[in-house]
Amino acid sequence: MALEIEKKKNAPEETGQKSTGLNRLLWLLAIAIIIAAAVGNVYFADLYSTAIRVVGIVVLLAIALALAAITNQGTKARAFFSESRVELRRIVWPTRPEAMQTTLIVMGVTVVVSLILWAFDSIIVSVLNFLTDLRF
């Protein structure tokens, strides 16, 4: 596993990387579309119903997300999410009895700790009341 990580770390950059200028252009377009969606929602508030504006915003946000997804960072994010999905499939989830047992243990420890904290608080309040009621 460590060897795999080391290989990935030292691997040369993929040749499918976009140029910096194209990458910036895609990000600027995505941001401009998001801004257009926000401004258009306010500008067309009186002309179109809410349902039509919501559909327009969803379409524009989908276009902006698609543009962001084809940038270098978007490609890395998509790869990360696909690898995360693979890892989620490998997880061994607890059975229902194990989950119930763990939940009951957590609840029991919470009750015990809160009783201990309540006792300490009561003792501190009693000591402070005793000390503040003293007359010299």
Protein backbone atom coordinates (compact mmCIF):
# COMPACT_ATOMS: atom_id res chain seq x y z
CA MET A 1 0.00 0.00 0.00
CA ALA A 2 2.78 2.43 0.92
CA LEU A 3 4.57 1.52 -2.29
CA GLU A 4 1.42 2.36 -4.28
CA ILE A 5 1.15 5.74 -2.59
CA GLU A 6 4.82 6.42 -3.24
CA LYS A 7 4.40 5.51 -6.92
CA LYS A 8 1.40 7.84 -7.23
CA LYS A 9 3.26 10.65 -5.51
CA ASN A 10 6.29 10.36 -7.78
CA ALA A 11 4.29 9.67 -10.96
CA PRO A 12 4.58 12.33 -13.67
CA GLU A 13 1.59 14.55 -14.28
CA GLU A 14 -0.97 13.11 -16.64
CA THR A 15 -0.78 14.34 -20.21
CA GLY A 16 -4.53 15.03 -20.18
CA GLN A 17 -4.03 18.19 -18.13
CA LYS A 18 -5.47 21.35 -19.66
CA SER A 19 -3.37 24.44 -20.07
CA THR A 20 -3.54 27.07 -17.37
CA GLY A 21 -5.22 29.57 -19.68
CA LEU A 22 -7.97 27.15 -20.71
CA ASN A 23 -8.43 26.09 -17.12
CA ARG A 24 -8.86 29.72 -16.00
CA LEU A 25 -11.25 30.41 -18.87
CA LEU A 26 -13.43 27.48 -17.86
CA TRP A 27 -13.50 28.67 -14.24
CA LEU A 28 -14.33 32.23 -15.30
CA LEU A 29 -17.16 30.95 -17.51
CA ALA A 30 -18.54 28.83 -14.66
CA ILE A 31 -18.41 31.77 -12.24
CA ALA A 32 -19.97 34.11 -14.82
CA ILE A 33 -22.83 31.65 -15.37
CA ILE A 34 -23.44 31.40 -11.60
CA ILE A 35 -23.46 35.20 -11.31
CA ALA A 36 -25.81 35.43 -14.31
CA ALA A 37 -28.16 32.95 -12.63
CA ALA A 38 -28.22 34.97 -9.40
CA VAL A 39 -28.64 38.34 -11.12
CA GLY A 40 -31.19 36.95 -13.57
CA ASN A 41 -33.25 35.56 -10.72
CA VAL A 42 -33.54 39.03 -9.19
CA TYR A 43 -33.94 40.86 -12.51
CA PHE A 44 -36.71 38.58 -13.82
CA ALA A 45 -38.54 38.29 -10.48
CA ASP A 46 -41.50 40.37 -11.70
CA LEU A 47 -41.62 39.00 -15.26
CA TYR A 48 -41.57 35.23 -14.66
CA SER A 49 -43.05 32.96 -12.03
CA THR A 50 -40.91 31.32 -9.38
CA ALA A 51 -41.16 27.89 -11.02
CA ILE A 52 -39.75 29.16 -14.32
CA ARG A 53 -36.94 31.01 -12.56
CA VAL A 54 -36.07 27.93 -10.51
CA VAL A 55 -35.85 25.80 -13.65
CA GLY A 56 -33.62 28.45 -15.25
CA ILE A 57 -31.34 28.58 -12.21
CA VAL A 58 -31.07 24.78 -12.05
CA VAL A 59 -30.18 24.61 -15.75
CA LEU A 60 -27.56 27.37 -15.43
CA LEU A 61 -26.06 25.80 -12.31
CA ALA A 62 -25.88 22.43 -14.07
CA ILE A 63 -24.02 24.07 -16.97
CA ALA A 64 -21.64 25.80 -14.53
CA LEU A 65 -21.05 22.53 -12.69
CA ALA A 66 -20.33 20.75 -15.98
CA LEU A 67 -17.81 23.45 -16.91
CA ALA A 68 -16.17 23.21 -13.48
CA ALA A 69 -16.07 19.41 -13.76
CA ILE A 70 -13.93 19.48 -16.91
CA THR A 71 -11.25 21.72 -15.39
CA ASN A 72 -8.08 20.19 -13.94
CA GLN A 73 -9.39 20.53 -10.40
CA GLY A 74 -12.78 19.16 -11.44
CA THR A 75 -11.15 16.11 -12.97
CA LYS A 76 -9.24 15.49 -9.74
CA ALA A 77 -12.45 15.94 -7.71
CA ARG A 78 -14.33 13.44 -9.90
CA ALA A 79 -11.50 10.93 -9.50
CA PHE A 80 -11.55 11.48 -5.73
CA PHE A 81 -15.30 10.89 -5.53
CA SER A 82 -15.11 7.72 -7.61
CA GLU A 83 -12.31 6.39 -5.39
CA SER A 84 -14.37 7.32 -2.32
CA ARG A 85 -17.29 5.33 -3.66
CA VAL A 86 -15.00 2.30 -4.09
CA GLU A 87 -13.78 2.70 -0.50
CA LEU A 88 -17.36 2.94 0.78
CA ARG A 89 -18.09 -0.44 -0.79
CA ARG A 90 -15.17 -1.96 1.14
CA ILE A 91 -16.46 -0.85 4.54
CA VAL A 92 -17.76 -3.58 6.81
CA TRP A 93 -20.81 -2.00 8.39
CA PRO A 94 -21.84 -3.14 11.88
CA THR A 95 -24.80 -5.44 12.27
CA ARG A 96 -27.97 -4.18 13.93
CA PRO A 97 -27.18 -5.87 17.29
CA GLU A 98 -23.65 -4.41 17.27
CA ALA A 99 -25.00 -0.94 16.52
CA MET A 100 -27.62 -1.24 19.28
CA GLN A 101 -25.03 -2.46 21.78
CA THR A 102 -22.66 0.40 20.95
CA THR A 103 -25.50 2.92 21.18
CA LEU A 104 -26.53 1.62 24.60
CA ILE A 105 -22.93 1.76 25.83
CA VAL A 106 -22.61 5.38 24.65
CA MET A 107 -25.91 6.31 26.31
CA GLY A 108 -24.87 4.61 29.57
CA VAL A 109 -21.49 6.33 29.67
CA THR A 110 -23.19 9.65 28.92
CA VAL A 111 -25.59 9.21 31.84
CA VAL A 112 -22.78 8.21 34.23
CA VAL A 113 -20.55 11.13 33.22
CA SER A 114 -23.41 13.62 33.45
CA LEU A 115 -24.25 12.37 36.98
CA ILE A 116 -20.59 12.76 37.99
CA LEU A 117 -20.49 16.28 36.54
CA TRP A 118 -23.77 17.13 38.28
CA ALA A 119 -22.30 15.91 41.60
CA PHE A 120 -19.13 17.99 41.14
CA ASP A 121 -21.22 21.03 40.22
CA SER A 122 -23.41 20.59 43.29
CA ILE A 123 -20.36 20.29 45.55
CA ILE A 124 -18.75 23.40 44.05
CA VAL A 125 -22.00 25.40 44.40
CA SER A 126 -22.36 24.28 48.03
CA VAL A 127 -18.78 25.23 48.85
CA LEU A 128 -19.16 28.64 47.17
CA ASN A 129 -22.44 29.30 48.99
CA PHE A 130 -20.80 28.37 52.30
CA LEU A 131 -17.84 30.63 51.62
CA THR A 132 -19.93 33.60 50.49
CA ASP A 133 -22.33 33.34 53.47
CA LEU A 134 -19.52 33.60 56.02
CA ARG A 135 -19.48 36.83 57.99
CA PHE A 136 -16.17 38.05 59.37
